[in-house]
Amino acid sequence: MGVSGRYPDPAAHLRYIGEARGSEILTIHVMGAHGPDIHADTVVGVQESLMAKFDPEGRDKIAATGMDGPYPEVVQDFILARA
């Protein structure tokens, strides 16, 4: 791995499983577009379609959730294929 300049572990990512009646089950992972090791991922390399923008939440939204912040939010659309 060192010779190829690739990092042995996958870049940070989120995994999703989506399903709906009449559709195929979708299993996918989405990576943070700005991760420090995104261009060295050994599993999938860099695919624009699998990158997501992690937007930091504002103070008002963090307070409304009752969670400690800050934390990122990811908005992602998925299209399921008909079965």
N, C-alpha and C. Protein backbone atom coordinates (compact mmCIF):
# COMPACT_ATOMS: atom_id res chain seq x y z
N MET A 1 0.81 -1.19 0.00
CA MET A 1 0.00 0.00 0.00
C MET A 1 0.85 1.26 0.00
N GLY A 2 1.91 1.24 0.76
CA GLY A 2 2.76 2.42 0.84
C GLY A 2 3.37 2.80 -0.50
N VAL A 3 3.73 1.81 -1.29
CA VAL A 3 4.32 2.06 -2.60
C VAL A 3 3.31 2.75 -3.52
N SER A 4 2.04 2.36 -3.43
CA SER A 4 1.01 2.94 -4.30
C SER A 4 0.51 4.30 -3.79
N GLY A 5 0.93 4.68 -2.56
CA GLY A 5 0.48 5.95 -2.00
C GLY A 5 -0.94 5.89 -1.47
N ARG A 6 -1.46 4.69 -1.27
CA ARG A 6 -2.82 4.54 -0.77
C ARG A 6 -2.82 4.18 0.71
N TYR A 7 -3.85 4.62 1.38
CA TYR A 7 -4.04 4.38 2.81
C TYR A 7 -4.73 3.04 2.98
N PRO A 8 -4.29 2.17 3.91
CA PRO A 8 -4.85 0.83 4.02
C PRO A 8 -6.29 0.76 4.55
N ASP A 9 -6.78 1.80 5.17
CA ASP A 9 -8.13 1.80 5.72
C ASP A 9 -9.03 2.67 4.85
N PRO A 10 -10.34 2.35 4.78
CA PRO A 10 -11.24 3.17 3.97
C PRO A 10 -11.42 4.56 4.60
N ALA A 11 -11.75 5.52 3.75
CA ALA A 11 -12.03 6.87 4.23
C ALA A 11 -13.30 6.86 5.09
N ALA A 12 -13.46 7.87 5.94
CA ALA A 12 -14.65 7.97 6.78
C ALA A 12 -15.89 8.01 5.89
N HIS A 13 -16.93 7.24 6.28
CA HIS A 13 -18.11 7.16 5.44
C HIS A 13 -19.34 6.79 6.27
N LEU A 14 -20.50 7.00 5.67
CA LEU A 14 -21.78 6.59 6.25
C LEU A 14 -22.33 5.47 5.39
N ARG A 15 -22.97 4.50 6.02
CA ARG A 15 -23.59 3.40 5.27
C ARG A 15 -25.10 3.54 5.36
N TYR A 16 -25.76 3.29 4.24
CA TYR A 16 -27.21 3.38 4.17
C TYR A 16 -27.77 2.08 3.59
N ILE A 17 -28.96 1.70 4.07
CA ILE A 17 -29.74 0.64 3.47
C ILE A 17 -31.13 1.22 3.27
N GLY A 18 -31.57 1.24 2.00
CA GLY A 18 -32.89 1.79 1.70
C GLY A 18 -33.76 0.74 1.04
N GLU A 19 -35.04 0.72 1.44
CA GLU A 19 -35.95 -0.21 0.80
C GLU A 19 -37.36 0.35 0.82
N ALA A 20 -38.13 -0.04 -0.18
CA ALA A 20 -39.53 0.35 -0.29
C ALA A 20 -40.27 -0.75 -1.04
N ARG A 21 -41.53 -0.90 -0.74
CA ARG A 21 -42.33 -1.93 -1.40
C ARG A 21 -42.26 -1.74 -2.92
N GLY A 22 -41.99 -2.81 -3.65
CA GLY A 22 -41.92 -2.75 -5.10
C GLY A 22 -40.57 -2.31 -5.65
N SER A 23 -39.58 -2.10 -4.77
CA SER A 23 -38.26 -1.65 -5.21
C SER A 23 -37.18 -2.61 -4.72
N GLU A 24 -36.06 -2.59 -5.42
CA GLU A 24 -34.91 -3.36 -4.96
C GLU A 24 -34.32 -2.70 -3.73
N ILE A 25 -33.67 -3.47 -2.88
CA ILE A 25 -33.01 -2.93 -1.69
C ILE A 25 -31.69 -2.29 -2.13
N LEU A 26 -31.45 -1.09 -1.65
CA LEU A 26 -30.22 -0.37 -1.95
C LEU A 26 -29.31 -0.40 -0.74
N THR A 27 -28.10 -0.86 -0.91
CA THR A 27 -27.07 -0.80 0.13
C THR A 27 -25.93 0.01 -0.44
N ILE A 28 -25.56 1.10 0.25
CA ILE A 28 -24.56 2.01 -0.31
C ILE A 28 -23.82 2.71 0.83
N HIS A 29 -22.66 3.19 0.53
CA HIS A 29 -21.94 4.04 1.48
C HIS A 29 -21.63 5.37 0.81
N VAL A 30 -21.62 6.41 1.62
CA VAL A 30 -21.36 7.77 1.14
C VAL A 30 -20.21 8.32 1.96
N MET A 31 -19.24 8.90 1.28
CA MET A 31 -18.04 9.41 1.95
C MET A 31 -18.07 10.91 2.06
N GLY A 32 -17.42 11.41 3.10
CA GLY A 32 -17.28 12.85 3.26
C GLY A 32 -16.35 13.40 2.20
N ALA A 33 -16.83 14.37 1.44
CA ALA A 33 -16.08 14.89 0.30
C ALA A 33 -14.78 15.60 0.70
N HIS A 34 -14.70 16.03 1.94
CA HIS A 34 -13.53 16.82 2.34
C HIS A 34 -12.62 16.08 3.33
N GLY A 35 -12.79 14.76 3.43
CA GLY A 35 -11.96 14.00 4.34
C GLY A 35 -10.50 14.03 3.93
N PRO A 36 -9.58 14.02 4.88
CA PRO A 36 -8.16 14.13 4.56
C PRO A 36 -7.63 12.95 3.76
N ASP A 37 -8.28 11.78 3.84
CA ASP A 37 -7.78 10.62 3.13
C ASP A 37 -8.70 10.15 2.00
N ILE A 38 -9.63 11.00 1.54
CA ILE A 38 -10.59 10.61 0.52
C ILE A 38 -9.91 10.20 -0.79
N HIS A 39 -8.85 10.82 -1.15
CA HIS A 39 -8.19 10.51 -2.42
C HIS A 39 -7.27 9.30 -2.33
N ALA A 40 -7.16 8.71 -1.15
CA ALA A 40 -6.30 7.55 -0.98
C ALA A 40 -7.09 6.31 -0.61
N ASP A 41 -8.41 6.35 -0.71
CA ASP A 41 -9.24 5.21 -0.33
C ASP A 41 -8.90 4.00 -1.20
N THR A 42 -8.63 2.86 -0.56
CA THR A 42 -8.21 1.67 -1.29
C THR A 42 -9.37 0.83 -1.80
N VAL A 43 -10.56 1.05 -1.28
CA VAL A 43 -11.69 0.21 -1.64
C VAL A 43 -12.41 0.71 -2.89
N VAL A 44 -12.85 1.95 -2.89
CA VAL A 44 -13.62 2.46 -4.03
C VAL A 44 -12.93 3.59 -4.77
N GLY A 45 -11.81 4.06 -4.28
CA GLY A 45 -11.17 5.20 -4.92
C GLY A 45 -12.06 6.42 -4.77
N VAL A 46 -11.94 7.35 -5.67
CA VAL A 46 -12.71 8.57 -5.59
C VAL A 46 -13.81 8.54 -6.64
N GLN A 47 -15.04 8.45 -6.21
CA GLN A 47 -16.19 8.50 -7.11
C GLN A 47 -17.07 9.65 -6.66
N GLU A 48 -17.24 10.64 -7.51
CA GLU A 48 -18.03 11.82 -7.16
C GLU A 48 -19.43 11.45 -6.68
N SER A 49 -20.02 10.42 -7.27
CA SER A 49 -21.38 10.03 -6.91
C SER A 49 -21.49 9.49 -5.49
N LEU A 50 -20.37 9.14 -4.88
CA LEU A 50 -20.39 8.62 -3.51
C LEU A 50 -19.87 9.62 -2.48
N MET A 51 -19.73 10.88 -2.87
CA MET A 51 -19.25 11.90 -1.95
C MET A 51 -20.39 12.79 -1.48
N ALA A 52 -20.36 13.13 -0.20
CA ALA A 52 -21.39 13.98 0.38
C ALA A 52 -20.75 15.16 1.07
N LYS A 53 -21.46 16.26 1.10
CA LYS A 53 -20.99 17.45 1.80
C LYS A 53 -21.52 17.40 3.23
N PHE A 54 -20.63 17.48 4.20
CA PHE A 54 -21.00 17.48 5.60
C PHE A 54 -21.09 18.92 6.06
N ASP A 55 -22.30 19.43 6.21
CA ASP A 55 -22.51 20.83 6.59
C ASP A 55 -22.62 20.96 8.10
N PRO A 56 -21.85 21.87 8.71
CA PRO A 56 -21.99 22.08 10.16
C PRO A 56 -23.33 22.72 10.47
N GLU A 57 -23.97 22.26 11.53
CA GLU A 57 -25.27 22.80 11.95
C GLU A 57 -25.10 24.10 12.70
N GLY A 58 -26.08 24.97 12.59
CA GLY A 58 -26.10 26.23 13.32
C GLY A 58 -26.51 26.02 14.77
N ARG A 59 -26.23 27.00 15.61
CA ARG A 59 -26.51 26.90 17.05
C ARG A 59 -28.00 26.68 17.33
N ASP A 60 -28.88 27.33 16.59
CA ASP A 60 -30.32 27.20 16.82
C ASP A 60 -30.79 25.77 16.59
N LYS A 61 -30.35 25.17 15.51
CA LYS A 61 -30.77 23.80 15.21
C LYS A 61 -30.19 22.82 16.22
N ILE A 62 -28.95 23.03 16.63
CA ILE A 62 -28.34 22.16 17.64
C ILE A 62 -29.12 22.26 18.95
N ALA A 63 -29.47 23.47 19.36
CA ALA A 63 -30.23 23.66 20.59
C ALA A 63 -31.61 23.00 20.50
N ALA A 64 -32.24 23.07 19.34
CA ALA A 64 -33.58 22.49 19.16
C ALA A 64 -33.57 20.97 19.29
N THR A 65 -32.45 20.33 18.96
CA THR A 65 -32.37 18.87 19.04
C THR A 65 -32.08 18.40 20.46
N GLY A 66 -31.57 19.30 21.31
CA GLY A 66 -31.20 18.91 22.66
C GLY A 66 -29.87 18.18 22.72
N MET A 67 -29.14 18.19 21.61
CA MET A 67 -27.84 17.51 21.56
C MET A 67 -26.72 18.52 21.76
N ASP A 68 -25.58 17.98 22.18
CA ASP A 68 -24.39 18.82 22.24
C ASP A 68 -23.89 19.01 20.82
N GLY A 69 -23.29 20.12 20.54
CA GLY A 69 -22.81 20.37 19.17
C GLY A 69 -21.37 20.81 19.21
N PRO A 70 -20.82 21.16 18.12
CA PRO A 70 -21.44 21.10 16.80
C PRO A 70 -21.40 19.69 16.22
N TYR A 71 -22.25 19.45 15.26
CA TYR A 71 -22.23 18.18 14.54
C TYR A 71 -22.60 18.46 13.08
N PRO A 72 -22.17 17.61 12.18
CA PRO A 72 -22.47 17.83 10.76
C PRO A 72 -23.81 17.22 10.36
N GLU A 73 -24.41 17.78 9.33
CA GLU A 73 -25.63 17.22 8.76
C GLU A 73 -25.34 16.86 7.30
N VAL A 74 -25.84 15.71 6.89
CA VAL A 74 -25.69 15.26 5.51
C VAL A 74 -27.08 15.11 4.91
N VAL A 75 -27.31 15.75 3.78
CA VAL A 75 -28.58 15.60 3.06
C VAL A 75 -28.25 14.86 1.78
N GLN A 76 -28.89 13.71 1.60
CA GLN A 76 -28.58 12.86 0.46
C GLN A 76 -29.88 12.30 -0.12
N ASP A 77 -30.03 12.31 -1.42
CA ASP A 77 -31.18 11.72 -2.09
C ASP A 77 -30.77 10.39 -2.69
N PHE A 78 -31.67 9.41 -2.59
CA PHE A 78 -31.43 8.09 -3.19
C PHE A 78 -32.61 7.74 -4.09
N ILE A 79 -32.35 7.13 -5.19
CA ILE A 79 -33.40 6.66 -6.10
C ILE A 79 -33.33 5.13 -6.14
N LEU A 80 -34.44 4.49 -5.79
CA LEU A 80 -34.49 3.04 -5.76
C LEU A 80 -34.98 2.49 -7.10
N ALA A 81 -34.38 1.39 -7.55
CA ALA A 81 -34.80 0.74 -8.78
C ALA A 81 -36.03 -0.13 -8.51
N ARG A 82 -36.95 -0.15 -9.45
CA ARG A 82 -38.12 -1.02 -9.31
C ARG A 82 -37.68 -2.48 -9.36
N ALA A 83 -38.34 -3.29 -8.53
CA ALA A 83 -38.00 -4.72 -8.47
C ALA A 83 -38.54 -5.46 -9.68
